[in-house]
Amino acid sequence: MHRCDNRRCCEPSHLRLGTVADNSRDMVEKGRSRLCGRPGERNSYAKLTAEQAQEIRHRHLAGETQTALAREFGVHSSTVSCMVRGATWRAG
């Protein structure tokens, strides 16, 4: 596990022992997890803005398919599915 939080660092004094579970917990706590990191636009992996997410939800409620919306916004259909179910990009 890295004490310095530089993933490329290989300086032995910057490392500490830990289990896979310790390393995963450390990653989530520091907001580096792709799934558990910062929400919405603050997530460095986000491809959509909050406005786009809201538009997708509204258009889906109006009858547009998840597949068509995913294609238009350049994301996977599972991303749209999670969004309309409220699992990601929760309405604020």
PDB file of N, CA and C in Angstrom:
ATOM      1  N   MET A   1       0.856  -1.169   0.000  1.00  0.00           N
ATOM      2  CA  MET A   1       0.000   0.000   0.000  1.00  0.00           C
ATOM      3  C   MET A   1       0.903   1.233   0.000  1.00  0.00           C
ATOM      4  N   HIS A   2       0.523   2.265  -0.744  1.00  0.00           N
ATOM      5  CA  HIS A   2       1.334   3.473  -0.868  1.00  0.00           C
ATOM      6  C   HIS A   2       1.010   4.495   0.216  1.00  0.00           C
ATOM      7  N   ARG A   3       2.016   4.915   0.933  1.00  0.00           N
ATOM      8  CA  ARG A   3       1.840   5.984   1.911  1.00  0.00           C
ATOM      9  C   ARG A   3       1.750   7.336   1.205  1.00  0.00           C
ATOM     10  N   CYS A   4       2.471   7.466   0.086  1.00  0.00           N
ATOM     11  CA  CYS A   4       2.556   8.751  -0.611  1.00  0.00           C
ATOM     12  C   CYS A   4       1.404   8.957  -1.602  1.00  0.00           C
ATOM     13  N   ASP A   5       0.590   7.951  -1.815  1.00  0.00           N
ATOM     14  CA  ASP A   5      -0.548   8.018  -2.740  1.00  0.00           C
ATOM     15  C   ASP A   5      -0.147   8.259  -4.189  1.00  0.00           C
ATOM     16  N   ASN A   6       1.079   7.920  -4.525  1.00  0.00           N
ATOM     17  CA  ASN A   6       1.527   7.986  -5.912  1.00  0.00           C
ATOM     18  C   ASN A   6       1.627   6.550  -6.405  1.00  0.00           C
ATOM     19  N   ARG A   7       0.686   6.128  -7.249  1.00  0.00           N
ATOM     20  CA  ARG A   7       0.624   4.731  -7.673  1.00  0.00           C
ATOM     21  C   ARG A   7       1.874   4.274  -8.420  1.00  0.00           C
ATOM     22  N   ARG A   8       2.577   5.195  -9.047  1.00  0.00           N
ATOM     23  CA  ARG A   8       3.787   4.829  -9.797  1.00  0.00           C
ATOM     24  C   ARG A   8       5.030   4.769  -8.920  1.00  0.00           C
ATOM     25  N   CYS A   9       4.927   5.262  -7.717  1.00  0.00           N
ATOM     26  CA  CYS A   9       6.070   5.288  -6.811  1.00  0.00           C
ATOM     27  C   CYS A   9       6.475   3.863  -6.429  1.00  0.00           C
ATOM     28  N   CYS A  10       7.775   3.606  -6.465  1.00  0.00           N
ATOM     29  CA  CYS A  10       8.266   2.282  -6.061  1.00  0.00           C
ATOM     30  C   CYS A  10       9.326   2.403  -4.964  1.00  0.00           C
ATOM     31  N   GLU A  11       9.358   3.553  -4.299  1.00  0.00           N
ATOM     32  CA  GLU A  11      10.282   3.766  -3.194  1.00  0.00           C
ATOM     33  C   GLU A  11       9.829   2.904  -2.015  1.00  0.00           C
ATOM     34  N   PRO A  12      10.672   1.942  -1.598  1.00  0.00           N
ATOM     35  CA  PRO A  12      10.267   1.027  -0.518  1.00  0.00           C
ATOM     36  C   PRO A  12       9.807   1.716   0.761  1.00  0.00           C
ATOM     37  N   SER A  13      10.399   2.849   1.097  1.00  0.00           N
ATOM     38  CA  SER A  13      10.001   3.534   2.340  1.00  0.00           C
ATOM     39  C   SER A  13       8.623   4.181   2.220  1.00  0.00           C
ATOM     40  N   HIS A  14       8.090   4.278   0.996  1.00  0.00           N
ATOM     41  CA  HIS A  14       6.759   4.855   0.799  1.00  0.00           C
ATOM     42  C   HIS A  14       5.657   3.798   0.792  1.00  0.00           C
ATOM     43  N   LEU A  15       6.038   2.551   0.996  1.00  0.00           N
ATOM     44  CA  LEU A  15       5.081   1.449   0.975  1.00  0.00           C
ATOM     45  C   LEU A  15       4.868   0.903   2.379  1.00  0.00           C
ATOM     46  N   ARG A  16       3.704   0.317   2.585  1.00  0.00           N
ATOM     47  CA  ARG A  16       3.436  -0.360   3.864  1.00  0.00           C
ATOM     48  C   ARG A  16       2.681  -1.644   3.572  1.00  0.00           C
ATOM     49  N   LEU A  17       2.767  -2.574   4.477  1.00  0.00           N
ATOM     50  CA  LEU A  17       2.099  -3.854   4.301  1.00  0.00           C
ATOM     51  C   LEU A  17       0.602  -3.712   4.525  1.00  0.00           C
ATOM     52  N   GLY A  18      -0.139  -4.492   3.775  1.00  0.00           N
ATOM     53  CA  GLY A  18      -1.580  -4.514   3.938  1.00  0.00           C
ATOM     54  C   GLY A  18      -2.174  -5.613   3.081  1.00  0.00           C
ATOM     55  N   THR A  19      -3.332  -6.077   3.462  1.00  0.00           N
ATOM     56  CA  THR A  19      -4.021  -7.110   2.700  1.00  0.00           C
ATOM     57  C   THR A  19      -4.714  -6.470   1.494  1.00  0.00           C
ATOM     58  N   VAL A  20      -5.236  -7.285   0.608  1.00  0.00           N
ATOM     59  CA  VAL A  20      -6.008  -6.781  -0.518  1.00  0.00           C
ATOM     60  C   VAL A  20      -7.213  -5.990   0.007  1.00  0.00           C
ATOM     61  N   ALA A  21      -7.836  -6.501   1.060  1.00  0.00           N
ATOM     62  CA  ALA A  21      -8.979  -5.809   1.656  1.00  0.00           C
ATOM     63  C   ALA A  21      -8.559  -4.454   2.219  1.00  0.00           C
ATOM     64  N   ASP A  22      -7.403  -4.381   2.870  1.00  0.00           N
ATOM     65  CA  ASP A  22      -6.894  -3.109   3.391  1.00  0.00           C
ATOM     66  C   ASP A  22      -6.670  -2.116   2.252  1.00  0.00           C
ATOM     67  N   ASN A  23      -6.075  -2.608   1.182  1.00  0.00           N
ATOM     68  CA  ASN A  23      -5.777  -1.754   0.041  1.00  0.00           C
ATOM     69  C   ASN A  23      -7.072  -1.250  -0.617  1.00  0.00           C
ATOM     70  N   SER A  24      -8.051  -2.121  -0.746  1.00  0.00           N
ATOM     71  CA  SER A  24      -9.334  -1.728  -1.333  1.00  0.00           C
ATOM     72  C   SER A  24     -10.045  -0.701  -0.455  1.00  0.00           C
ATOM     73  N   ARG A  25     -10.038  -0.917   0.842  1.00  0.00           N
ATOM     74  CA  ARG A  25     -10.668   0.020   1.777  1.00  0.00           C
ATOM     75  C   ARG A  25      -9.976   1.386   1.690  1.00  0.00           C
ATOM     76  N   ASP A  26      -8.648   1.388   1.632  1.00  0.00           N
ATOM     77  CA  ASP A  26      -7.867   2.611   1.518  1.00  0.00           C
ATOM     78  C   ASP A  26      -8.243   3.358   0.235  1.00  0.00           C
ATOM     79  N   MET A  27      -8.394   2.629  -0.857  1.00  0.00           N
ATOM     80  CA  MET A  27      -8.755   3.208  -2.150  1.00  0.00           C
ATOM     81  C   MET A  27     -10.126   3.895  -2.080  1.00  0.00           C
ATOM     82  N   VAL A  28     -11.102   3.214  -1.488  1.00  0.00           N
ATOM     83  CA  VAL A  28     -12.452   3.770  -1.389  1.00  0.00           C
ATOM     84  C   VAL A  28     -12.452   4.997  -0.491  1.00  0.00           C
ATOM     85  N   GLU A  29     -11.770   4.924   0.644  1.00  0.00           N
ATOM     86  CA  GLU A  29     -11.727   6.045   1.584  1.00  0.00           C
ATOM     87  C   GLU A  29     -11.101   7.290   0.973  1.00  0.00           C
ATOM     88  N   LYS A  30     -10.169   7.088   0.045  1.00  0.00           N
ATOM     89  CA  LYS A  30      -9.489   8.215  -0.593  1.00  0.00           C
ATOM     90  C   LYS A  30     -10.173   8.656  -1.882  1.00  0.00           C
ATOM     91  N   GLY A  31     -11.312   8.050  -2.205  1.00  0.00           N
ATOM     92  CA  GLY A  31     -12.062   8.453  -3.377  1.00  0.00           C
ATOM     93  C   GLY A  31     -11.437   8.047  -4.689  1.00  0.00           C
ATOM     94  N   ARG A  32     -10.640   6.970  -4.668  1.00  0.00           N
ATOM     95  CA  ARG A  32      -9.972   6.532  -5.889  1.00  0.00           C
ATOM     96  C   ARG A  32     -10.699   5.374  -6.566  1.00  0.00           C
ATOM     97  N   SER A  33     -11.749   4.893  -5.967  1.00  0.00           N
ATOM     98  CA  SER A  33     -12.495   3.777  -6.534  1.00  0.00           C
ATOM     99  C   SER A  33     -13.409   4.274  -7.631  1.00  0.00           C
ATOM    100  N   ARG A  34     -13.407   3.590  -8.739  1.00  0.00           N
ATOM    101  CA  ARG A  34     -14.261   3.959  -9.860  1.00  0.00           C
ATOM    102  C   ARG A  34     -15.733   3.844  -9.470  1.00  0.00           C
ATOM    103  N   LEU A  35     -16.068   2.888  -8.635  1.00  0.00           N
ATOM    104  CA  LEU A  35     -17.458   2.666  -8.267  1.00  0.00           C
ATOM    105  C   LEU A  35     -17.879   3.445  -7.033  1.00  0.00           C
ATOM    106  N   CYS A  36     -16.952   3.697  -6.133  1.00  0.00           N
ATOM    107  CA  CYS A  36     -17.326   4.301  -4.856  1.00  0.00           C
ATOM    108  C   CYS A  36     -16.707   5.678  -4.656  1.00  0.00           C
ATOM    109  N   GLY A  37     -16.180   6.229  -5.707  1.00  0.00           N
ATOM    110  CA  GLY A  37     -15.506   7.511  -5.597  1.00  0.00           C
ATOM    111  C   GLY A  37     -16.464   8.678  -5.542  1.00  0.00           C
ATOM    112  N   ARG A  38     -15.984   9.791  -5.972  1.00  0.00           N
ATOM    113  CA  ARG A  38     -16.784  11.014  -5.954  1.00  0.00           C
ATOM    114  C   ARG A  38     -17.993  10.873  -6.871  1.00  0.00           C
ATOM    115  N   PRO A  39     -19.113  11.416  -6.446  1.00  0.00           N
ATOM    116  CA  PRO A  39     -20.321  11.294  -7.262  1.00  0.00           C
ATOM    117  C   PRO A  39     -20.371  12.319  -8.390  1.00  0.00           C
ATOM    118  N   GLY A  40     -21.137  11.985  -9.404  1.00  0.00           N
ATOM    119  CA  GLY A  40     -21.441  12.916 -10.475  1.00  0.00           C
ATOM    120  C   GLY A  40     -20.238  13.490 -11.186  1.00  0.00           C
ATOM    121  N   GLU A  41     -20.296  14.757 -11.489  1.00  0.00           N
ATOM    122  CA  GLU A  41     -19.241  15.426 -12.247  1.00  0.00           C
ATOM    123  C   GLU A  41     -17.919  15.471 -11.491  1.00  0.00           C
ATOM    124  N   ARG A  42     -17.952  15.317 -10.185  1.00  0.00           N
ATOM    125  CA  ARG A  42     -16.704  15.332  -9.409  1.00  0.00           C
ATOM    126  C   ARG A  42     -15.910  14.041  -9.579  1.00  0.00           C
ATOM    127  N   ASN A  43     -16.537  13.019 -10.165  1.00  0.00           N
ATOM    128  CA  ASN A  43     -15.849  11.763 -10.428  1.00  0.00           C
ATOM    129  C   ASN A  43     -15.021  11.927 -11.695  1.00  0.00           C
ATOM    130  N   SER A  44     -13.739  11.642 -11.614  1.00  0.00           N
ATOM    131  CA  SER A  44     -12.850  11.850 -12.764  1.00  0.00           C
ATOM    132  C   SER A  44     -13.192  10.949 -13.945  1.00  0.00           C
ATOM    133  N   TYR A  45     -13.987   9.917 -13.732  1.00  0.00           N
ATOM    134  CA  TYR A  45     -14.383   9.026 -14.814  1.00  0.00           C
ATOM    135  C   TYR A  45     -15.721   9.423 -15.445  1.00  0.00           C
ATOM    136  N   ALA A  46     -16.371  10.444 -14.933  1.00  0.00           N
ATOM    137  CA  ALA A  46     -17.691  10.838 -15.422  1.00  0.00           C
ATOM    138  C   ALA A  46     -17.616  11.284 -16.877  1.00  0.00           C
ATOM    139  N   LYS A  47     -18.552  10.790 -17.680  1.00  0.00           N
ATOM    140  CA  LYS A  47     -18.638  11.183 -19.084  1.00  0.00           C
ATOM    141  C   LYS A  47     -19.783  12.159 -19.317  1.00  0.00           C
ATOM    142  N   LEU A  48     -20.626  12.332 -18.316  1.00  0.00           N
ATOM    143  CA  LEU A  48     -21.811  13.169 -18.454  1.00  0.00           C
ATOM    144  C   LEU A  48     -21.809  14.283 -17.419  1.00  0.00           C
ATOM    145  N   THR A  49     -22.536  15.328 -17.721  1.00  0.00           N
ATOM    146  CA  THR A  49     -22.747  16.399 -16.745  1.00  0.00           C
ATOM    147  C   THR A  49     -24.044  16.115 -15.995  1.00  0.00           C
ATOM    148  N   ALA A  50     -24.258  16.822 -14.920  1.00  0.00           N
ATOM    149  CA  ALA A  50     -25.495  16.657 -14.152  1.00  0.00           C
ATOM    150  C   ALA A  50     -26.706  17.014 -15.018  1.00  0.00           C
ATOM    151  N   GLU A  51     -26.554  18.024 -15.855  1.00  0.00           N
ATOM    152  CA  GLU A  51     -27.662  18.417 -16.732  1.00  0.00           C
ATOM    153  C   GLU A  51     -27.998  17.314 -17.736  1.00  0.00           C
ATOM    154  N   GLN A  52     -26.953  16.674 -18.287  1.00  0.00           N
ATOM    155  CA  GLN A  52     -27.199  15.580 -19.230  1.00  0.00           C
ATOM    156  C   GLN A  52     -27.888  14.412 -18.529  1.00  0.00           C
ATOM    157  N   ALA A  53     -27.468  14.115 -17.316  1.00  0.00           N
ATOM    158  CA  ALA A  53     -28.078  13.017 -16.563  1.00  0.00           C
ATOM    159  C   ALA A  53     -29.553  13.300 -16.310  1.00  0.00           C
ATOM    160  N   GLN A  54     -29.865  14.533 -15.959  1.00  0.00           N
ATOM    161  CA  GLN A  54     -31.256  14.911 -15.718  1.00  0.00           C
ATOM    162  C   GLN A  54     -32.060  14.823 -17.024  1.00  0.00           C
ATOM    163  N   GLU A  55     -31.469  15.258 -18.119  1.00  0.00           N
ATOM    164  CA  GLU A  55     -32.149  15.179 -19.411  1.00  0.00           C
ATOM    165  C   GLU A  55     -32.435  13.727 -19.791  1.00  0.00           C
ATOM    166  N   ILE A  56     -31.471  12.852 -19.558  1.00  0.00           N
ATOM    167  CA  ILE A  56     -31.659  11.433 -19.866  1.00  0.00           C
ATOM    168  C   ILE A  56     -32.823  10.864 -19.059  1.00  0.00           C
ATOM    169  N   ARG A  57     -32.861  11.167 -17.760  1.00  0.00           N
ATOM    170  CA  ARG A  57     -33.955  10.664 -16.917  1.00  0.00           C
ATOM    171  C   ARG A  57     -35.310  11.169 -17.413  1.00  0.00           C
ATOM    172  N   HIS A  58     -35.393  12.460 -17.728  1.00  0.00           N
ATOM    173  CA  HIS A  58     -36.658  13.037 -18.205  1.00  0.00           C
ATOM    174  C   HIS A  58     -37.077  12.426 -19.535  1.00  0.00           C
ATOM    175  N   ARG A  59     -36.145  12.280 -20.447  1.00  0.00           N
ATOM    176  CA  ARG A  59     -36.479  11.737 -21.760  1.00  0.00           C
ATOM    177  C   ARG A  59     -36.873  10.274 -21.676  1.00  0.00           C
ATOM    178  N   HIS A  60     -36.257   9.535 -20.751  1.00  0.00           N
ATOM    179  CA  HIS A  60     -36.644   8.129 -20.565  1.00  0.00           C
ATOM    180  C   HIS A  60     -38.065   8.054 -20.012  1.00  0.00           C
ATOM    181  N   LEU A  61     -38.378   8.911 -19.052  1.00  0.00           N
ATOM    182  CA  LEU A  61     -39.738   8.956 -18.497  1.00  0.00           C
ATOM    183  C   LEU A  61     -40.767   9.317 -19.576  1.00  0.00           C
ATOM    184  N   ALA A  62     -40.324  10.080 -20.574  1.00  0.00           N
ATOM    185  CA  ALA A  62     -41.218  10.476 -21.661  1.00  0.00           C
ATOM    186  C   ALA A  62     -41.349   9.386 -22.723  1.00  0.00           C
ATOM    187  N   GLY A  63     -40.603   8.279 -22.549  1.00  0.00           N
ATOM    188  CA  GLY A  63     -40.784   7.141 -23.443  1.00  0.00           C
ATOM    189  C   GLY A  63     -39.610   6.759 -24.318  1.00  0.00           C
ATOM    190  N   GLU A  64     -38.520   7.521 -24.283  1.00  0.00           N
ATOM    191  CA  GLU A  64     -37.365   7.157 -25.111  1.00  0.00           C
ATOM    192  C   GLU A  64     -36.669   5.942 -24.510  1.00  0.00           C
ATOM    193  N   THR A  65     -36.124   5.097 -25.372  1.00  0.00           N
ATOM    194  CA  THR A  65     -35.485   3.874 -24.892  1.00  0.00           C
ATOM    195  C   THR A  65     -34.100   4.164 -24.316  1.00  0.00           C
ATOM    196  N   GLN A  66     -33.702   3.311 -23.405  1.00  0.00           N
ATOM    197  CA  GLN A  66     -32.375   3.431 -22.810  1.00  0.00           C
ATOM    198  C   GLN A  66     -31.297   3.252 -23.867  1.00  0.00           C
ATOM    199  N   THR A  67     -31.523   2.344 -24.801  1.00  0.00           N
ATOM    200  CA  THR A  67     -30.540   2.077 -25.852  1.00  0.00           C
ATOM    201  C   THR A  67     -30.330   3.315 -26.724  1.00  0.00           C
ATOM    202  N   ALA A  68     -31.422   3.963 -27.121  1.00  0.00           N
ATOM    203  CA  ALA A  68     -31.312   5.159 -27.958  1.00  0.00           C
ATOM    204  C   ALA A  68     -30.621   6.298 -27.209  1.00  0.00           C
ATOM    205  N   LEU A  69     -30.958   6.462 -25.954  1.00  0.00           N
ATOM    206  CA  LEU A  69     -30.334   7.513 -25.153  1.00  0.00           C
ATOM    207  C   LEU A  69     -28.845   7.239 -24.964  1.00  0.00           C
ATOM    208  N   ALA A  70     -28.499   5.986 -24.703  1.00  0.00           N
ATOM    209  CA  ALA A  70     -27.099   5.627 -24.526  1.00  0.00           C
ATOM    210  C   ALA A  70     -26.308   5.926 -25.796  1.00  0.00           C
ATOM    211  N   ARG A  71     -26.860   5.571 -26.918  1.00  0.00           N
ATOM    212  CA  ARG A  71     -26.194   5.809 -28.201  1.00  0.00           C
ATOM    213  C   ARG A  71     -25.985   7.308 -28.418  1.00  0.00           C
ATOM    214  N   GLU A  72     -27.022   8.088 -28.173  1.00  0.00           N
ATOM    215  CA  GLU A  72     -26.940   9.536 -28.392  1.00  0.00           C
ATOM    216  C   GLU A  72     -25.912  10.206 -27.487  1.00  0.00           C
ATOM    217  N   PHE A  73     -25.851   9.768 -26.221  1.00  0.00           N
ATOM    218  CA  PHE A  73     -24.950  10.414 -25.267  1.00  0.00           C
ATOM    219  C   PHE A  73     -23.576   9.741 -25.177  1.00  0.00           C
ATOM    220  N   GLY A  74     -23.376   8.690 -25.951  1.00  0.00           N
ATOM    221  CA  GLY A  74     -22.058   8.053 -26.001  1.00  0.00           C
ATOM    222  C   GLY A  74     -21.679   7.273 -24.760  1.00  0.00           C
ATOM    223  N   VAL A  75     -22.659   6.663 -24.116  1.00  0.00           N
ATOM    224  CA  VAL A  75     -22.397   5.836 -22.941  1.00  0.00           C
ATOM    225  C   VAL A  75     -23.034   4.461 -23.157  1.00  0.00           C
ATOM    226  N   HIS A  76     -22.700   3.511 -22.324  1.00  0.00           N
ATOM    227  CA  HIS A  76     -23.251   2.163 -22.419  1.00  0.00           C
ATOM    228  C   HIS A  76     -24.691   2.171 -21.921  1.00  0.00           C
ATOM    229  N   SER A  77     -25.492   1.294 -22.473  1.00  0.00           N
ATOM    230  CA  SER A  77     -26.894   1.229 -22.047  1.00  0.00           C
ATOM    231  C   SER A  77     -27.035   0.886 -20.570  1.00  0.00           C
ATOM    232  N   SER A  78     -26.081   0.153 -20.011  1.00  0.00           N
ATOM    233  CA  SER A  78     -26.145  -0.150 -18.572  1.00  0.00           C
ATOM    234  C   SER A  78     -25.942   1.113 -17.740  1.00  0.00           C
ATOM    235  N   THR A  79     -25.194   2.079 -18.267  1.00  0.00           N
ATOM    236  CA  THR A  79     -25.018   3.358 -17.583  1.00  0.00           C
ATOM    237  C   THR A  79     -26.351   4.083 -17.493  1.00  0.00           C
ATOM    238  N   VAL A  80     -27.087   4.092 -18.603  1.00  0.00           N
ATOM    239  CA  VAL A  80     -28.403   4.728 -18.618  1.00  0.00           C
ATOM    240  C   VAL A  80     -29.355   3.969 -17.705  1.00  0.00           C
ATOM    241  N   SER A  81     -29.286   2.655 -17.710  1.00  0.00           N
ATOM    242  CA  SER A  81     -30.141   1.847 -16.847  1.00  0.00           C
ATOM    243  C   SER A  81     -29.921   2.192 -15.376  1.00  0.00           C
ATOM    244  N   CYS A  82     -28.671   2.249 -14.972  1.00  0.00           N
ATOM    245  CA  CYS A  82     -28.357   2.604 -13.578  1.00  0.00           C
ATOM    246  C   CYS A  82     -28.841   4.012 -13.258  1.00  0.00           C
ATOM    247  N   MET A  83     -28.719   4.895 -14.230  1.00  0.00           N
ATOM    248  CA  MET A  83     -29.114   6.292 -14.025  1.00  0.00           C
ATOM    249  C   MET A  83     -30.636   6.405 -13.813  1.00  0.00           C
ATOM    250  N   VAL A  84     -31.413   5.761 -14.655  1.00  0.00           N
ATOM    251  CA  VAL A  84     -32.862   5.904 -14.537  1.00  0.00           C
ATOM    252  C   VAL A  84     -33.416   5.170 -13.317  1.00  0.00           C
ATOM    253  N   ARG A  85     -32.679   4.174 -12.807  1.00  0.00           N
ATOM    254  CA  ARG A  85     -33.097   3.479 -11.591  1.00  0.00           C
ATOM    255  C   ARG A  85     -32.650   4.213 -10.332  1.00  0.00           C
ATOM    256  N   GLY A  86     -31.812   5.226 -10.492  1.00  0.00           N
ATOM    257  CA  GLY A  86     -31.332   5.992  -9.347  1.00  0.00           C
ATOM    258  C   GLY A  86     -30.119   5.399  -8.666  1.00  0.00           C
ATOM    259  N   ALA A  87     -29.493   4.389  -9.303  1.00  0.00           N
ATOM    260  CA  ALA A  87     -28.296   3.782  -8.706  1.00  0.00           C
ATOM    261  C   ALA A  87     -27.083   4.685  -8.876  1.00  0.00           C
ATOM    262  N   THR A  88     -27.087   5.504  -9.932  1.00  0.00           N
ATOM    263  CA  THR A  88     -26.027   6.484 -10.161  1.00  0.00           C
ATOM    264  C   THR A  88     -26.676   7.791 -10.561  1.00  0.00           C
ATOM    265  N   TRP A  89     -25.943   8.856 -10.458  1.00  0.00           N
ATOM    266  CA  TRP A  89     -26.425  10.184 -10.848  1.00  0.00           C
ATOM    267  C   TRP A  89     -27.808  10.452 -10.244  1.00  0.00           C
ATOM    268  N   ARG A  90     -27.899  10.278  -8.937  1.00  0.00           N
ATOM    269  CA  ARG A  90     -29.178  10.495  -8.258  1.00  0.00           C
ATOM    270  C   ARG A  90     -29.668  11.916  -8.465  1.00  0.00           C
ATOM    271  N   ALA A  91     -30.953  12.023  -8.640  1.00  0.00           N
ATOM    272  CA  ALA A  91     -31.551  13.355  -8.806  1.00  0.00           C
ATOM    273  C   ALA A  91     -31.375  14.147  -7.525  1.00  0.00           C
ATOM    274  N   GLY A  92     -30.974  15.377  -7.668  1.00  0.00           N
ATOM    275  CA  GLY A  92     -30.685  16.181  -6.491  1.00  0.00           C
ATOM    276  C   GLY A  92     -31.679  17.151  -6.194  1.00  0.00           C
TER     277      GLY A  92
END
